[in-house]
């Protein structure tokens, strides 16, 4: 089922992002976030965040970097691992660079999406609809020897009822394949 969800998301969202606009990243110099350069509270290949007084945490199933497109991180959670999280942090270059990236309006190409078997989208922030808010990703560091990437994320997202949800304390640690 996760494969079907991922296929639906990739087929419905990514063609719009990658065929209508040129790929670029939105790197900003300022961020309302602490200056801590490490991720704590999770193990390698895990993610977590809070939204609407709920805590979400899970494992990272796969993460990979596609030069000129971005860093893809796919995770799961729930007792049946039937809830998926997809983060796409867009890069126009050929390597992962620490910095600030957002799901702001096109031509940016970052994405925050969470869904399960029963709900089309639990949370959704993407460049084609910023009415509900923007998620900011902060790549803290990338170790080219171990391929470990660490980052944080926060902001506003649409929830399953198309209400605005506040995403806080988002972190991830992944080995990039």
Foldseek 3Di string as FASTA:
>chain_A
DVVVLVVCCCVPPVCCLPVVAQEAWDFDDDDPDDPDLDDDDDDAQKKWWDKPNDIDIWGWPAWAADAQFFIWTKTADDPVSFKIWIWGFGHRGGDDDFGKTKQAAPPYFIWTFIDGPVASTQWTGHNVDCVLHMKMKGFSDADPVQQKTKIAIWMWTQGRVRHIMTMPGIIHIYRHD
